[in-house]
N, C-alpha and C. Protein backbone atom coordinates (compact mmCIF):
# COMPACT_ATOMS: atom_id res chain seq x y z
N UNK A 1 121.46 92.14 104.63
CA UNK A 1 120.27 92.47 105.42
C UNK A 1 120.66 92.51 106.90
N UNK A 2 120.51 93.67 107.52
CA UNK A 2 120.97 93.85 108.89
C UNK A 2 120.08 93.12 109.90
N UNK A 3 120.74 92.44 110.85
CA UNK A 3 120.03 91.79 111.95
C UNK A 3 120.10 92.61 113.23
N UNK A 4 120.67 93.82 113.16
CA UNK A 4 120.65 94.71 114.32
C UNK A 4 119.21 95.00 114.70
N UNK A 5 118.95 95.13 115.99
CA UNK A 5 117.57 95.29 116.47
C UNK A 5 117.28 96.71 116.91
N UNK A 6 116.00 97.03 116.89
CA UNK A 6 115.49 98.31 117.38
C UNK A 6 114.06 98.09 117.84
N UNK A 7 113.46 99.16 118.35
CA UNK A 7 112.04 99.14 118.70
C UNK A 7 111.28 99.98 117.67
N UNK A 8 110.39 99.34 116.94
CA UNK A 8 109.47 100.06 116.07
C UNK A 8 108.25 100.41 116.92
N UNK A 9 107.95 101.70 117.04
CA UNK A 9 106.84 102.15 117.87
C UNK A 9 105.67 102.54 116.99
N UNK A 10 104.57 101.83 117.13
CA UNK A 10 103.36 102.13 116.36
C UNK A 10 102.31 102.79 117.24
N UNK A 11 101.70 103.83 116.72
CA UNK A 11 100.60 104.53 117.40
C UNK A 11 99.30 104.38 116.63
N UNK A 12 99.35 103.68 115.48
CA UNK A 12 98.17 103.52 114.63
C UNK A 12 97.75 102.07 114.52
N UNK A 13 97.35 101.65 113.33
CA UNK A 13 96.80 100.30 113.16
C UNK A 13 97.83 99.21 113.43
N UNK A 14 99.13 99.51 113.31
CA UNK A 14 100.14 98.49 113.57
C UNK A 14 100.31 98.16 115.04
N UNK A 15 99.56 98.82 115.91
CA UNK A 15 99.50 98.35 117.30
C UNK A 15 98.86 96.97 117.36
N UNK A 16 98.03 96.64 116.37
CA UNK A 16 97.34 95.35 116.31
C UNK A 16 98.27 94.32 115.68
N UNK A 17 98.50 93.20 116.35
CA UNK A 17 99.43 92.19 115.85
C UNK A 17 98.99 91.64 114.50
N UNK A 18 97.71 91.39 114.32
CA UNK A 18 97.25 90.84 113.04
C UNK A 18 97.57 91.77 111.89
N UNK A 19 97.49 93.08 112.13
CA UNK A 19 97.82 94.06 111.11
C UNK A 19 99.32 94.06 110.83
N UNK A 20 100.14 94.06 111.88
CA UNK A 20 101.59 94.06 111.69
C UNK A 20 102.04 92.80 110.96
N UNK A 21 101.40 91.68 111.24
CA UNK A 21 101.79 90.42 110.59
C UNK A 21 101.67 90.52 109.07
N UNK A 22 100.73 91.30 108.58
CA UNK A 22 100.59 91.45 107.13
C UNK A 22 101.79 92.17 106.53
N UNK A 23 102.40 93.06 107.28
CA UNK A 23 103.61 93.73 106.81
C UNK A 23 104.83 92.81 106.87
N UNK A 24 104.82 91.88 107.80
CA UNK A 24 105.95 90.97 107.95
C UNK A 24 105.78 89.69 107.12
N UNK A 25 104.61 89.10 107.16
CA UNK A 25 104.37 87.81 106.51
C UNK A 25 103.67 87.95 105.16
N UNK A 26 103.09 89.13 104.90
CA UNK A 26 102.29 89.31 103.70
C UNK A 26 100.82 89.02 103.99
N UNK A 27 99.94 89.62 103.18
CA UNK A 27 98.51 89.37 103.35
C UNK A 27 97.72 90.66 103.40
N UNK A 28 96.41 90.52 103.56
CA UNK A 28 95.51 91.67 103.59
C UNK A 28 94.78 91.72 104.92
N UNK A 29 94.87 92.82 105.67
CA UNK A 29 94.14 92.94 106.94
C UNK A 29 92.63 93.01 106.70
N UNK A 30 91.81 92.57 107.64
CA UNK A 30 90.37 92.68 107.51
C UNK A 30 89.94 94.13 107.29
N UNK A 31 89.14 94.37 106.25
CA UNK A 31 88.63 95.71 105.97
C UNK A 31 89.52 96.57 105.11
N UNK A 32 90.74 96.09 104.79
CA UNK A 32 91.68 96.86 103.99
C UNK A 32 91.45 96.61 102.49
N UNK A 33 91.97 97.52 101.67
CA UNK A 33 91.85 97.42 100.22
C UNK A 33 93.14 96.96 99.55
N UNK A 34 94.18 96.70 100.34
CA UNK A 34 95.51 96.41 99.81
C UNK A 34 96.02 95.09 100.39
N UNK A 35 96.66 94.29 99.52
CA UNK A 35 97.36 93.08 99.96
C UNK A 35 98.85 93.38 99.98
N UNK A 36 99.52 93.04 101.07
CA UNK A 36 100.92 93.39 101.25
C UNK A 36 101.85 92.24 100.89
N UNK A 37 103.03 92.59 100.37
CA UNK A 37 104.01 91.58 99.97
C UNK A 37 104.68 90.93 101.16
N UNK A 38 104.82 91.67 102.24
CA UNK A 38 105.53 91.17 103.41
C UNK A 38 106.99 91.57 103.39
N UNK A 39 107.66 91.38 104.51
CA UNK A 39 109.07 91.75 104.65
C UNK A 39 109.98 90.65 104.12
N UNK A 40 111.24 91.01 103.88
CA UNK A 40 112.23 90.00 103.46
C UNK A 40 112.45 88.97 104.57
N UNK A 41 112.33 89.41 105.81
CA UNK A 41 112.42 88.53 106.97
C UNK A 41 111.06 88.56 107.66
N UNK A 42 110.35 87.44 107.61
CA UNK A 42 108.98 87.38 108.13
C UNK A 42 108.90 87.00 109.61
N UNK A 43 110.04 86.96 110.29
CA UNK A 43 110.06 86.60 111.71
C UNK A 43 109.21 87.58 112.52
N UNK A 44 108.39 87.06 113.41
CA UNK A 44 107.56 87.92 114.25
C UNK A 44 108.42 88.62 115.31
N UNK A 45 107.96 89.75 115.85
CA UNK A 45 108.75 90.49 116.84
C UNK A 45 109.15 89.63 118.03
N UNK A 46 110.36 89.87 118.52
CA UNK A 46 110.84 89.12 119.68
C UNK A 46 110.13 89.53 120.95
N UNK A 47 109.77 90.81 121.05
CA UNK A 47 109.09 91.34 122.23
C UNK A 47 108.16 92.46 121.80
N UNK A 48 107.25 92.81 122.70
CA UNK A 48 106.46 94.02 122.51
C UNK A 48 106.21 94.64 123.87
N UNK A 49 105.88 95.93 123.86
CA UNK A 49 105.66 96.64 125.11
C UNK A 49 104.69 97.78 124.88
N UNK A 50 103.82 98.01 125.85
CA UNK A 50 102.93 99.17 125.82
C UNK A 50 103.73 100.39 126.25
N UNK A 51 103.63 101.48 125.48
CA UNK A 51 104.35 102.71 125.81
C UNK A 51 103.40 103.90 125.66
N UNK A 52 103.72 104.97 126.36
CA UNK A 52 103.01 106.24 126.22
C UNK A 52 104.00 107.27 125.68
N UNK A 53 103.67 107.89 124.57
CA UNK A 53 104.56 108.83 123.92
C UNK A 53 104.17 110.27 124.26
N UNK A 54 105.15 111.13 124.49
CA UNK A 54 104.83 112.55 124.62
C UNK A 54 104.48 113.10 123.24
N UNK A 55 103.29 113.64 123.09
CA UNK A 55 102.85 114.12 121.79
C UNK A 55 101.40 113.77 121.54
N UNK A 56 100.91 114.13 120.38
CA UNK A 56 99.48 114.09 120.10
C UNK A 56 99.17 113.30 118.84
N UNK A 57 98.16 112.45 118.91
CA UNK A 57 97.65 111.71 117.76
C UNK A 57 96.52 112.51 117.11
N UNK A 58 96.48 112.48 115.78
CA UNK A 58 95.37 113.12 115.05
C UNK A 58 95.16 112.38 113.74
N UNK A 59 94.03 112.61 113.10
CA UNK A 59 93.70 111.97 111.84
C UNK A 59 93.60 113.02 110.74
N UNK A 60 94.20 112.71 109.59
CA UNK A 60 94.19 113.66 108.47
C UNK A 60 94.26 112.90 107.16
N UNK A 61 93.96 113.59 106.06
CA UNK A 61 94.05 113.01 104.74
C UNK A 61 93.01 111.93 104.51
N UNK A 62 93.27 111.08 103.51
CA UNK A 62 92.40 109.95 103.22
C UNK A 62 93.24 108.76 102.83
N UNK A 63 93.04 107.66 103.52
CA UNK A 63 93.85 106.47 103.32
C UNK A 63 93.43 105.71 102.07
N UNK A 64 94.39 105.35 101.19
CA UNK A 64 94.06 104.49 100.06
C UNK A 64 93.84 103.04 100.48
N UNK A 65 94.23 102.73 101.70
CA UNK A 65 94.09 101.36 102.21
C UNK A 65 92.75 101.15 102.90
N UNK A 66 92.34 102.12 103.72
CA UNK A 66 91.16 101.98 104.56
C UNK A 66 90.02 102.92 104.16
N UNK A 67 90.33 104.00 103.43
CA UNK A 67 89.38 105.08 103.27
C UNK A 67 89.36 105.90 104.56
N UNK A 68 88.97 107.15 104.48
CA UNK A 68 88.92 107.99 105.68
C UNK A 68 90.29 108.43 106.15
N UNK A 69 90.31 109.14 107.28
CA UNK A 69 91.53 109.73 107.80
C UNK A 69 92.55 108.71 108.26
N UNK A 70 93.80 109.15 108.31
CA UNK A 70 94.93 108.32 108.72
C UNK A 70 95.51 108.88 110.01
N UNK A 71 95.98 108.01 110.90
CA UNK A 71 96.58 108.44 112.16
C UNK A 71 97.98 108.98 111.93
N UNK A 72 98.27 110.14 112.54
CA UNK A 72 99.60 110.72 112.53
C UNK A 72 99.98 111.12 113.95
N UNK A 73 101.27 111.23 114.18
CA UNK A 73 101.80 111.55 115.50
C UNK A 73 102.56 112.86 115.42
N UNK A 74 102.13 113.84 116.21
CA UNK A 74 102.80 115.14 116.30
C UNK A 74 103.57 115.18 117.61
N UNK A 75 104.90 115.23 117.50
CA UNK A 75 105.75 115.16 118.69
C UNK A 75 106.42 116.48 119.01
N UNK A 76 106.23 117.52 118.18
CA UNK A 76 107.05 118.71 118.36
C UNK A 76 106.32 120.05 118.36
N UNK A 77 105.09 120.11 117.87
CA UNK A 77 104.42 121.41 117.79
C UNK A 77 103.84 121.81 119.14
N UNK A 78 103.55 123.11 119.35
CA UNK A 78 102.95 123.55 120.62
C UNK A 78 101.64 122.83 120.93
N UNK A 79 100.88 122.47 119.90
CA UNK A 79 99.60 121.79 120.11
C UNK A 79 99.78 120.41 120.73
N UNK A 80 100.99 119.84 120.61
CA UNK A 80 101.23 118.48 121.10
C UNK A 80 101.89 118.45 122.47
N UNK A 81 102.32 119.59 122.97
CA UNK A 81 103.19 119.63 124.13
C UNK A 81 102.59 118.98 125.38
N UNK A 82 101.31 119.17 125.61
CA UNK A 82 100.70 118.69 126.86
C UNK A 82 99.99 117.35 126.69
N UNK A 83 100.13 116.70 125.54
CA UNK A 83 99.38 115.48 125.26
C UNK A 83 100.25 114.24 125.40
N UNK A 84 99.56 113.09 125.52
CA UNK A 84 100.23 111.79 125.57
C UNK A 84 99.51 110.87 124.59
N UNK A 85 100.28 110.02 123.90
CA UNK A 85 99.73 109.12 122.90
C UNK A 85 100.03 107.68 123.26
N UNK A 86 99.01 106.83 123.44
CA UNK A 86 99.27 105.41 123.69
C UNK A 86 99.81 104.74 122.42
N UNK A 87 100.79 103.87 122.60
CA UNK A 87 101.44 103.22 121.46
C UNK A 87 101.93 101.84 121.88
N UNK A 88 102.47 101.13 120.91
CA UNK A 88 103.00 99.78 121.17
C UNK A 88 104.36 99.66 120.49
N UNK A 89 105.36 99.24 121.24
CA UNK A 89 106.71 99.07 120.72
C UNK A 89 106.95 97.61 120.37
N UNK A 90 107.47 97.38 119.17
CA UNK A 90 107.77 96.04 118.68
C UNK A 90 109.29 95.90 118.51
N UNK A 91 109.88 94.86 119.05
CA UNK A 91 111.31 94.63 118.89
C UNK A 91 111.56 93.82 117.62
N UNK A 92 112.08 94.50 116.59
CA UNK A 92 112.33 93.87 115.30
C UNK A 92 113.72 94.29 114.81
N UNK A 93 114.12 93.82 113.64
CA UNK A 93 115.42 94.19 113.10
C UNK A 93 115.30 95.49 112.29
N UNK A 94 116.45 96.12 112.05
CA UNK A 94 116.44 97.34 111.23
C UNK A 94 115.94 97.03 109.82
N UNK A 95 116.29 95.86 109.29
CA UNK A 95 115.83 95.48 107.96
C UNK A 95 114.31 95.34 107.94
N UNK A 96 113.74 94.73 108.98
CA UNK A 96 112.28 94.61 109.05
C UNK A 96 111.61 95.98 109.15
N UNK A 97 112.20 96.86 109.96
CA UNK A 97 111.64 98.21 110.08
C UNK A 97 111.64 98.90 108.72
N UNK A 98 112.75 98.80 107.99
CA UNK A 98 112.83 99.41 106.67
C UNK A 98 111.77 98.83 105.74
N UNK A 99 111.50 97.54 105.84
CA UNK A 99 110.51 96.89 104.98
C UNK A 99 109.08 97.29 105.36
N UNK A 100 108.81 97.42 106.66
CA UNK A 100 107.50 97.91 107.10
C UNK A 100 107.29 99.33 106.62
N UNK A 101 108.31 100.17 106.80
CA UNK A 101 108.22 101.56 106.37
C UNK A 101 108.00 101.67 104.87
N UNK A 102 108.70 100.85 104.09
CA UNK A 102 108.54 100.88 102.64
C UNK A 102 107.09 100.59 102.25
N UNK A 103 106.49 99.59 102.90
CA UNK A 103 105.10 99.24 102.57
C UNK A 103 104.13 100.31 103.04
N UNK A 104 104.42 100.97 104.16
CA UNK A 104 103.61 102.11 104.59
C UNK A 104 103.68 103.24 103.56
N UNK A 105 104.82 103.34 102.87
CA UNK A 105 105.02 104.38 101.86
C UNK A 105 104.61 103.89 100.47
N UNK A 106 103.90 102.73 100.43
CA UNK A 106 103.36 102.16 99.19
C UNK A 106 104.47 101.78 98.21
N UNK A 107 105.57 101.24 98.77
CA UNK A 107 106.65 100.71 97.96
C UNK A 107 106.90 99.26 98.35
N UNK A 108 107.57 98.52 97.48
CA UNK A 108 107.96 97.15 97.81
C UNK A 108 109.28 97.17 98.57
N UNK A 109 109.45 96.28 99.55
CA UNK A 109 110.74 96.18 100.23
C UNK A 109 111.85 95.82 99.25
N UNK A 110 113.01 96.44 99.43
CA UNK A 110 114.15 96.15 98.56
C UNK A 110 115.42 96.05 99.40
N UNK A 111 116.40 95.35 98.85
CA UNK A 111 117.65 95.12 99.58
C UNK A 111 118.49 96.37 99.70
N UNK A 112 118.27 97.35 98.82
CA UNK A 112 119.10 98.55 98.83
C UNK A 112 118.37 99.77 99.39
N UNK A 113 117.38 99.54 100.25
CA UNK A 113 116.62 100.65 100.83
C UNK A 113 117.56 101.52 101.68
N UNK A 114 117.71 102.81 101.35
CA UNK A 114 118.62 103.66 102.13
C UNK A 114 118.21 103.83 103.59
N UNK A 115 116.92 103.62 103.89
CA UNK A 115 116.46 103.76 105.26
C UNK A 115 117.17 102.78 106.18
N UNK A 116 117.46 101.58 105.68
CA UNK A 116 118.13 100.59 106.51
C UNK A 116 119.51 101.09 106.94
N UNK A 117 120.22 101.75 106.04
CA UNK A 117 121.54 102.29 106.38
C UNK A 117 121.42 103.46 107.37
N UNK A 118 120.39 104.28 107.17
CA UNK A 118 120.17 105.42 108.07
C UNK A 118 119.95 104.95 109.50
N UNK A 119 119.21 103.86 109.65
CA UNK A 119 118.88 103.35 110.98
C UNK A 119 120.10 102.80 111.72
N UNK A 120 121.15 102.49 111.01
CA UNK A 120 122.34 101.93 111.64
C UNK A 120 123.27 103.00 112.21
N UNK A 121 122.97 104.26 111.97
CA UNK A 121 123.79 105.35 112.49
C UNK A 121 122.96 106.32 113.31
N UNK A 122 123.58 107.34 113.88
CA UNK A 122 122.85 108.35 114.64
C UNK A 122 121.93 109.17 113.73
N UNK A 123 120.84 109.65 114.29
CA UNK A 123 119.85 110.42 113.54
C UNK A 123 120.00 111.88 113.94
N UNK A 124 120.66 112.71 113.13
CA UNK A 124 120.89 114.11 113.51
C UNK A 124 119.58 114.84 113.79
N UNK A 125 119.52 115.51 114.94
CA UNK A 125 118.32 116.25 115.28
C UNK A 125 117.15 115.39 115.71
N UNK A 126 117.34 114.08 115.78
CA UNK A 126 116.27 113.20 116.25
C UNK A 126 115.24 112.83 115.20
N UNK A 127 115.39 113.33 113.96
CA UNK A 127 114.47 112.91 112.92
C UNK A 127 115.11 113.05 111.54
N UNK A 128 114.50 112.39 110.57
CA UNK A 128 115.03 112.40 109.21
C UNK A 128 113.87 112.27 108.23
N UNK A 129 113.84 113.16 107.24
CA UNK A 129 112.80 113.09 106.21
C UNK A 129 113.30 112.22 105.06
N UNK A 130 112.69 111.07 104.93
CA UNK A 130 113.02 110.15 103.85
C UNK A 130 112.46 110.68 102.53
N UNK A 131 111.31 111.35 102.62
CA UNK A 131 110.64 111.90 101.45
C UNK A 131 109.48 112.77 101.90
N UNK A 132 108.66 113.25 100.96
CA UNK A 132 107.57 114.18 101.30
C UNK A 132 106.27 113.50 101.71
N UNK A 133 106.21 112.17 101.63
CA UNK A 133 104.95 111.45 101.84
C UNK A 133 104.47 111.44 103.28
N UNK A 134 103.27 110.88 103.45
CA UNK A 134 102.61 110.89 104.75
C UNK A 134 103.41 110.21 105.85
N UNK A 135 104.06 109.09 105.54
CA UNK A 135 104.81 108.36 106.58
C UNK A 135 106.30 108.32 106.25
N UNK A 136 106.82 109.42 105.74
CA UNK A 136 108.22 109.44 105.32
C UNK A 136 109.11 110.31 106.22
N UNK A 137 108.62 110.63 107.41
CA UNK A 137 109.45 111.34 108.40
C UNK A 137 109.74 110.40 109.55
N UNK A 138 111.00 110.05 109.69
CA UNK A 138 111.46 109.12 110.72
C UNK A 138 111.77 109.89 111.99
N UNK A 139 111.28 109.41 113.14
CA UNK A 139 111.46 110.10 114.42
C UNK A 139 112.10 109.15 115.43
N UNK A 140 113.17 109.63 116.09
CA UNK A 140 113.81 108.88 117.16
C UNK A 140 113.12 109.22 118.47
N UNK A 141 112.69 108.21 119.21
CA UNK A 141 111.89 108.40 120.42
C UNK A 141 112.65 108.06 121.70
N UNK A 142 113.95 107.92 121.61
CA UNK A 142 114.73 107.56 122.79
C UNK A 142 115.18 106.11 122.73
N UNK A 143 115.39 105.50 123.89
CA UNK A 143 115.86 104.12 123.96
C UNK A 143 115.06 103.31 124.97
N UNK A 144 115.06 102.01 124.74
CA UNK A 144 114.44 101.08 125.68
C UNK A 144 115.32 99.83 125.70
N UNK A 145 115.75 99.41 126.88
CA UNK A 145 116.61 98.24 127.02
C UNK A 145 117.85 98.33 126.13
N UNK A 146 118.38 99.55 125.99
CA UNK A 146 119.59 99.74 125.22
C UNK A 146 119.42 99.78 123.72
N UNK A 147 118.18 99.72 123.24
CA UNK A 147 117.90 99.75 121.80
C UNK A 147 117.14 101.03 121.45
N UNK A 148 117.45 101.60 120.28
CA UNK A 148 116.77 102.81 119.84
C UNK A 148 115.30 102.53 119.53
N UNK A 149 114.47 103.54 119.78
CA UNK A 149 113.03 103.47 119.48
C UNK A 149 112.73 104.46 118.35
N UNK A 150 112.05 103.96 117.30
CA UNK A 150 111.74 104.79 116.15
C UNK A 150 110.27 104.65 115.76
N UNK A 151 109.74 105.72 115.20
CA UNK A 151 108.45 105.66 114.53
C UNK A 151 108.55 106.50 113.28
N UNK A 152 107.51 106.48 112.46
CA UNK A 152 107.45 107.37 111.32
C UNK A 152 106.10 108.06 111.29
N UNK A 153 106.09 109.29 110.79
CA UNK A 153 104.89 110.09 110.75
C UNK A 153 104.96 111.03 109.56
N UNK A 154 104.10 112.03 109.53
CA UNK A 154 104.09 113.00 108.43
C UNK A 154 104.94 114.21 108.80
N UNK A 155 105.34 115.02 107.79
CA UNK A 155 106.12 116.22 108.10
C UNK A 155 105.28 117.36 108.65
N UNK A 156 103.95 117.27 108.52
CA UNK A 156 103.08 118.34 109.03
C UNK A 156 102.62 118.04 110.45
N UNK A 157 102.25 119.06 111.19
CA UNK A 157 101.82 118.90 112.57
C UNK A 157 100.31 118.96 112.74
N UNK A 158 99.89 118.91 113.98
CA UNK A 158 98.47 118.84 114.35
C UNK A 158 97.67 119.99 113.77
N UNK A 159 98.20 121.20 113.81
CA UNK A 159 97.47 122.39 113.37
C UNK A 159 97.71 122.75 111.91
N UNK A 160 98.50 121.96 111.19
CA UNK A 160 98.91 122.34 109.83
C UNK A 160 97.96 121.86 108.74
N UNK A 161 97.08 120.90 109.06
CA UNK A 161 96.22 120.31 108.03
C UNK A 161 94.81 120.11 108.59
N UNK A 162 93.78 120.04 107.71
CA UNK A 162 92.44 119.70 108.18
C UNK A 162 92.41 118.28 108.74
N UNK A 163 91.60 118.08 109.75
CA UNK A 163 91.45 116.76 110.34
C UNK A 163 90.27 116.05 109.68
N UNK A 164 90.43 114.75 109.44
CA UNK A 164 89.39 113.97 108.78
C UNK A 164 89.02 112.75 109.61
N UNK A 165 87.84 112.23 109.37
CA UNK A 165 87.33 111.11 110.17
C UNK A 165 87.79 109.78 109.58
N UNK A 166 88.40 108.93 110.40
CA UNK A 166 88.84 107.61 109.91
C UNK A 166 87.66 106.67 109.68
N UNK A 167 87.90 105.63 108.88
CA UNK A 167 86.86 104.64 108.62
C UNK A 167 86.67 103.74 109.83
N UNK A 168 85.51 103.06 109.85
CA UNK A 168 85.21 102.14 110.95
C UNK A 168 86.22 100.99 110.99
N UNK A 169 86.63 100.49 109.82
CA UNK A 169 87.58 99.37 109.78
C UNK A 169 88.93 99.78 110.34
N UNK A 170 89.35 100.99 110.04
CA UNK A 170 90.63 101.48 110.55
C UNK A 170 90.57 101.66 112.07
N UNK A 171 89.51 102.26 112.55
CA UNK A 171 89.35 102.43 113.99
C UNK A 171 89.29 101.09 114.72
N UNK A 172 88.70 100.10 114.06
CA UNK A 172 88.63 98.76 114.68
C UNK A 172 90.03 98.19 114.89
N UNK A 173 90.94 98.44 113.94
CA UNK A 173 92.32 97.98 114.09
C UNK A 173 93.02 98.70 115.23
N UNK A 174 92.82 100.02 115.32
CA UNK A 174 93.40 100.78 116.43
C UNK A 174 92.86 100.29 117.76
N UNK A 175 91.55 100.05 117.80
CA UNK A 175 90.92 99.59 119.04
C UNK A 175 91.49 98.25 119.49
N UNK A 176 91.66 97.33 118.54
CA UNK A 176 92.21 96.02 118.89
C UNK A 176 93.63 96.16 119.40
N UNK A 177 94.41 97.06 118.79
CA UNK A 177 95.77 97.28 119.26
C UNK A 177 95.81 97.85 120.66
N UNK A 178 94.92 98.76 120.97
CA UNK A 178 94.87 99.35 122.31
C UNK A 178 94.47 98.30 123.35
N UNK A 179 93.57 97.41 122.98
CA UNK A 179 93.17 96.35 123.91
C UNK A 179 94.32 95.37 124.12
N UNK A 180 95.00 95.00 123.02
CA UNK A 180 96.11 94.04 123.13
C UNK A 180 97.28 94.61 123.93
N UNK A 181 97.67 95.83 123.61
CA UNK A 181 98.88 96.39 124.20
C UNK A 181 98.66 96.96 125.59
N UNK A 182 97.57 97.70 125.75
CA UNK A 182 97.35 98.43 127.00
C UNK A 182 96.27 97.82 127.88
N UNK A 183 95.58 96.80 127.38
CA UNK A 183 94.53 96.17 128.17
C UNK A 183 93.33 97.05 128.40
N UNK A 184 93.08 97.99 127.49
CA UNK A 184 91.97 98.93 127.67
C UNK A 184 90.63 98.24 127.51
N UNK A 185 89.66 98.73 128.25
CA UNK A 185 88.28 98.28 128.09
C UNK A 185 87.66 99.00 126.90
N UNK A 186 86.50 98.51 126.47
CA UNK A 186 85.81 99.16 125.36
C UNK A 186 85.43 100.59 125.73
N UNK A 187 85.08 100.82 126.98
CA UNK A 187 84.73 102.17 127.42
C UNK A 187 85.93 103.12 127.30
N UNK A 188 87.11 102.63 127.67
CA UNK A 188 88.32 103.45 127.54
C UNK A 188 88.63 103.76 126.08
N UNK A 189 88.47 102.76 125.23
CA UNK A 189 88.72 102.95 123.79
C UNK A 189 87.74 103.97 123.22
N UNK A 190 86.46 103.83 123.56
CA UNK A 190 85.43 104.73 123.06
C UNK A 190 85.69 106.17 123.50
N UNK A 191 86.07 106.34 124.76
CA UNK A 191 86.36 107.69 125.26
C UNK A 191 87.59 108.29 124.56
N UNK A 192 88.59 107.46 124.34
CA UNK A 192 89.82 107.90 123.66
C UNK A 192 89.50 108.39 122.25
N UNK A 193 88.72 107.61 121.51
CA UNK A 193 88.37 108.00 120.14
C UNK A 193 87.50 109.25 120.12
N UNK A 194 86.59 109.38 121.09
CA UNK A 194 85.72 110.55 121.13
C UNK A 194 86.54 111.82 121.29
N UNK A 195 87.58 111.77 122.13
CA UNK A 195 88.44 112.94 122.30
C UNK A 195 89.27 113.21 121.06
N UNK A 196 89.77 112.16 120.41
CA UNK A 196 90.59 112.35 119.22
C UNK A 196 89.80 112.90 118.04
N UNK A 197 88.53 112.52 117.94
CA UNK A 197 87.74 112.87 116.76
C UNK A 197 86.99 114.18 116.91
N UNK A 198 87.28 114.93 117.96
CA UNK A 198 86.56 116.17 118.18
C UNK A 198 86.66 117.16 117.04
N UNK A 199 87.82 117.19 116.36
CA UNK A 199 88.01 118.14 115.28
C UNK A 199 87.87 117.51 113.89
N UNK A 200 87.62 116.21 113.85
CA UNK A 200 87.60 115.53 112.56
C UNK A 200 86.32 115.79 111.79
N UNK A 201 86.43 115.87 110.49
CA UNK A 201 85.27 116.02 109.60
C UNK A 201 85.22 114.83 108.66
N UNK A 202 84.09 114.63 108.02
CA UNK A 202 83.96 113.54 107.07
C UNK A 202 84.69 113.91 105.79
N UNK A 203 85.56 113.00 105.25
CA UNK A 203 86.28 113.33 104.02
C UNK A 203 85.32 113.59 102.86
N UNK A 204 85.75 114.43 101.91
CA UNK A 204 84.95 114.67 100.71
C UNK A 204 84.82 113.41 99.88
């Protein structure tokens, strides 16, 4: 199990520490439908930092955990070029990142996860598709304090899929993360969500 460190950058519910703890320590976040096994190493992040990412956040699909739309990050399409996305970077190990990613992909953490090996080398082209699922595209976001920054998102972009409205419980997690990481007021959070949800529809 690798102890090499990186920055896991979350733009969704994992901006909230209580939510991330469920991926590391195990448990069920408030309002969620799933209980998580936790990572092989349950150590909490050594550091965290508020970051702004070049690119666009949007909601699509329907979450089996929360119901309603899920947050995705589009970093490369023309629709994302002029946008910025607030996020939170967590300093964790590559093994922990692989275990968080596995649980996001609805799998149990395992010692032979190929993602852990991928993270220990260069990422050709700045991204790697682990699989076809919603959070199976790994994206390199540069470096911070000499450590690589990574996130995961979907293979489709902002304009490629219908946008859907997230559940209240999911938005509450995002809101808490924005307050914790960026110190936003409720008015700032409300305005942010209003702009993001302009194209969202209620899921069938």
